[in-house]
């Protein structure tokens, strides 16, 4: 049961404009403040003790 939807010229124009707008947004540079935040979080991850659980609490040897 296949439904075929013929798009009107208006719908095609709307779709093209939305794609163009979102494509431009996706290609924008990440703001410096977000890059700094990502760098800080990555550094914290690298400095964290692997013997700690995700919550920062030491893991229980029993599981």
N, C-alpha and C. Protein backbone atom coordinates (compact mmCIF):
# COMPACT_ATOMS: atom_id res chain seq x y z
N UNK A 1 0.84 -1.17 0.00
CA UNK A 1 0.00 0.00 0.00
C UNK A 1 0.89 1.24 0.00
N UNK A 2 1.18 1.73 -1.18
CA UNK A 2 2.06 2.88 -1.32
C UNK A 2 1.24 4.11 -1.64
N UNK A 3 1.50 5.17 -0.89
CA UNK A 3 0.83 6.44 -1.15
C UNK A 3 1.80 7.36 -1.85
N UNK A 4 1.39 7.91 -2.96
CA UNK A 4 2.23 8.84 -3.69
C UNK A 4 1.71 10.24 -3.43
N UNK A 5 2.61 11.10 -2.98
CA UNK A 5 2.21 12.47 -2.68
C UNK A 5 2.89 13.39 -3.68
N UNK A 6 2.12 13.99 -4.54
CA UNK A 6 2.66 14.96 -5.48
C UNK A 6 2.79 16.29 -4.77
N UNK A 7 4.00 16.83 -4.78
CA UNK A 7 4.21 18.10 -4.10
C UNK A 7 3.92 19.25 -5.06
N UNK A 8 3.34 20.26 -4.52
CA UNK A 8 3.04 21.45 -5.30
C UNK A 8 4.31 22.28 -5.43
N UNK A 9 4.36 23.19 -6.39
CA UNK A 9 5.52 24.07 -6.51
C UNK A 9 5.77 24.86 -5.21
N UNK A 10 4.72 25.23 -4.52
CA UNK A 10 4.87 25.96 -3.26
C UNK A 10 5.54 25.08 -2.21
N UNK A 11 5.10 23.82 -2.10
CA UNK A 11 5.71 22.89 -1.14
C UNK A 11 7.18 22.65 -1.48
N UNK A 12 7.49 22.54 -2.76
CA UNK A 12 8.88 22.34 -3.18
C UNK A 12 9.73 23.55 -2.80
N UNK A 13 9.19 24.74 -3.00
CA UNK A 13 9.92 25.96 -2.66
C UNK A 13 10.15 26.05 -1.15
N UNK A 14 9.14 25.71 -0.38
CA UNK A 14 9.28 25.71 1.09
C UNK A 14 10.36 24.72 1.51
N UNK A 15 10.33 23.52 0.94
CA UNK A 15 11.32 22.49 1.28
C UNK A 15 12.73 22.96 0.92
N UNK A 16 12.89 23.55 -0.24
CA UNK A 16 14.21 24.05 -0.65
C UNK A 16 14.70 25.14 0.28
N UNK A 17 13.82 26.05 0.67
CA UNK A 17 14.22 27.14 1.57
C UNK A 17 14.60 26.61 2.95
N UNK A 18 13.85 25.64 3.45
CA UNK A 18 14.19 25.05 4.75
C UNK A 18 15.54 24.34 4.69
N UNK A 19 15.76 23.58 3.63
CA UNK A 19 17.04 22.88 3.48
C UNK A 19 18.19 23.87 3.40
N UNK A 20 18.01 24.95 2.66
CA UNK A 20 19.05 25.97 2.54
C UNK A 20 19.33 26.62 3.89
N UNK A 21 18.30 26.95 4.63
CA UNK A 21 18.47 27.61 5.93
C UNK A 21 19.19 26.70 6.91
N UNK A 22 18.79 25.44 6.98
CA UNK A 22 19.42 24.52 7.93
C UNK A 22 20.83 24.13 7.49
N UNK A 23 21.06 24.06 6.19
CA UNK A 23 22.40 23.75 5.69
C UNK A 23 23.36 24.86 6.11
N UNK A 24 22.93 26.11 5.97
CA UNK A 24 23.78 27.24 6.38
C UNK A 24 24.06 27.17 7.87
N UNK A 25 23.08 26.85 8.66
CA UNK A 25 23.25 26.76 10.12
C UNK A 25 24.22 25.64 10.48
N UNK A 26 24.10 24.51 9.80
CA UNK A 26 24.97 23.36 10.09
C UNK A 26 26.42 23.64 9.72
N UNK A 27 26.64 24.54 8.78
CA UNK A 27 28.00 24.84 8.33
C UNK A 27 28.65 25.96 9.14
N UNK A 28 27.91 26.59 10.05
CA UNK A 28 28.47 27.67 10.86
C UNK A 28 29.51 27.13 11.82
N UNK A 29 30.48 27.98 12.14
CA UNK A 29 31.51 27.63 13.13
C UNK A 29 30.88 27.51 14.51
N UNK A 30 31.45 26.64 15.31
CA UNK A 30 31.02 26.51 16.70
C UNK A 30 31.57 27.72 17.46
N UNK A 31 30.74 28.42 18.24
CA UNK A 31 31.23 29.58 18.99
C UNK A 31 32.38 29.21 19.93
N UNK A 32 33.29 30.15 20.12
CA UNK A 32 34.47 29.93 20.97
C UNK A 32 34.08 29.46 22.37
N UNK A 33 33.02 30.02 22.94
CA UNK A 33 32.67 29.65 24.31
C UNK A 33 32.26 28.17 24.41
N UNK A 34 31.65 27.64 23.34
CA UNK A 34 31.29 26.22 23.34
C UNK A 34 32.53 25.35 23.14
N UNK A 35 33.45 25.81 22.29
CA UNK A 35 34.70 25.06 22.12
C UNK A 35 35.47 25.02 23.43
N UNK A 36 35.51 26.15 24.14
CA UNK A 36 36.20 26.20 25.43
C UNK A 36 35.55 25.23 26.42
N UNK A 37 34.23 25.22 26.45
CA UNK A 37 33.51 24.32 27.36
C UNK A 37 33.81 22.86 27.01
N UNK A 38 33.78 22.52 25.74
CA UNK A 38 34.09 21.15 25.33
C UNK A 38 35.52 20.77 25.71
N UNK A 39 36.46 21.69 25.53
CA UNK A 39 37.85 21.43 25.91
C UNK A 39 37.96 21.19 27.40
N UNK A 40 37.29 22.02 28.21
CA UNK A 40 37.32 21.86 29.66
C UNK A 40 36.73 20.52 30.09
N UNK A 41 35.62 20.14 29.50
CA UNK A 41 34.99 18.86 29.84
C UNK A 41 35.88 17.69 29.45
N UNK A 42 36.53 17.80 28.30
CA UNK A 42 37.43 16.74 27.87
C UNK A 42 38.61 16.62 28.83
N UNK A 43 39.15 17.76 29.27
CA UNK A 43 40.26 17.74 30.23
C UNK A 43 39.82 17.11 31.55
N UNK A 44 38.62 17.43 32.01
CA UNK A 44 38.11 16.84 33.25
C UNK A 44 37.98 15.33 33.11
N UNK A 45 37.51 14.88 31.96
CA UNK A 45 37.38 13.44 31.71
C UNK A 45 38.74 12.76 31.77
N UNK A 46 39.73 13.39 31.17
CA UNK A 46 41.07 12.80 31.14
C UNK A 46 41.71 12.78 32.52
N UNK A 47 41.36 13.74 33.37
CA UNK A 47 41.95 13.84 34.70
C UNK A 47 41.22 12.97 35.72
N UNK A 48 40.01 12.54 35.40
CA UNK A 48 39.24 11.76 36.37
C UNK A 48 39.87 10.40 36.58
N UNK A 49 39.72 9.90 37.79
CA UNK A 49 40.28 8.61 38.17
C UNK A 49 39.43 7.50 37.57
N UNK A 50 40.00 6.59 36.79
CA UNK A 50 39.20 5.51 36.20
C UNK A 50 38.60 4.57 37.24
N UNK A 51 39.09 4.62 38.49
CA UNK A 51 38.54 3.77 39.55
C UNK A 51 37.24 4.34 40.10
N UNK A 52 36.87 5.55 39.66
CA UNK A 52 35.62 6.17 40.12
C UNK A 52 34.50 5.84 39.16
N UNK A 53 33.31 5.77 39.70
CA UNK A 53 32.13 5.57 38.86
C UNK A 53 31.74 6.87 38.19
N UNK A 54 30.69 6.84 37.40
CA UNK A 54 30.23 8.03 36.70
C UNK A 54 29.84 9.15 37.65
N UNK A 55 29.36 8.83 38.83
CA UNK A 55 28.91 9.85 39.77
C UNK A 55 30.07 10.47 40.53
N UNK A 56 31.29 9.95 40.32
CA UNK A 56 32.44 10.45 41.04
C UNK A 56 32.68 9.71 42.33
N UNK A 57 31.79 8.79 42.67
CA UNK A 57 31.93 7.99 43.88
C UNK A 57 32.78 6.77 43.57
N UNK A 58 33.64 6.35 44.50
CA UNK A 58 34.43 5.14 44.26
C UNK A 58 33.52 3.94 44.02
N UNK A 59 33.95 3.09 43.10
CA UNK A 59 33.17 1.88 42.81
C UNK A 59 33.32 0.89 43.95
N UNK A 60 32.26 0.17 44.20
CA UNK A 60 32.25 -0.87 45.22
C UNK A 60 32.90 -2.12 44.65
N UNK A 61 33.84 -2.69 45.36
CA UNK A 61 34.55 -3.88 44.89
C UNK A 61 33.61 -5.06 44.70
N UNK A 62 32.48 -5.05 45.39
CA UNK A 62 31.51 -6.15 45.29
C UNK A 62 30.64 -6.04 44.05
N UNK A 63 30.71 -4.91 43.34
CA UNK A 63 29.88 -4.78 42.14
C UNK A 63 28.97 -3.69 42.30
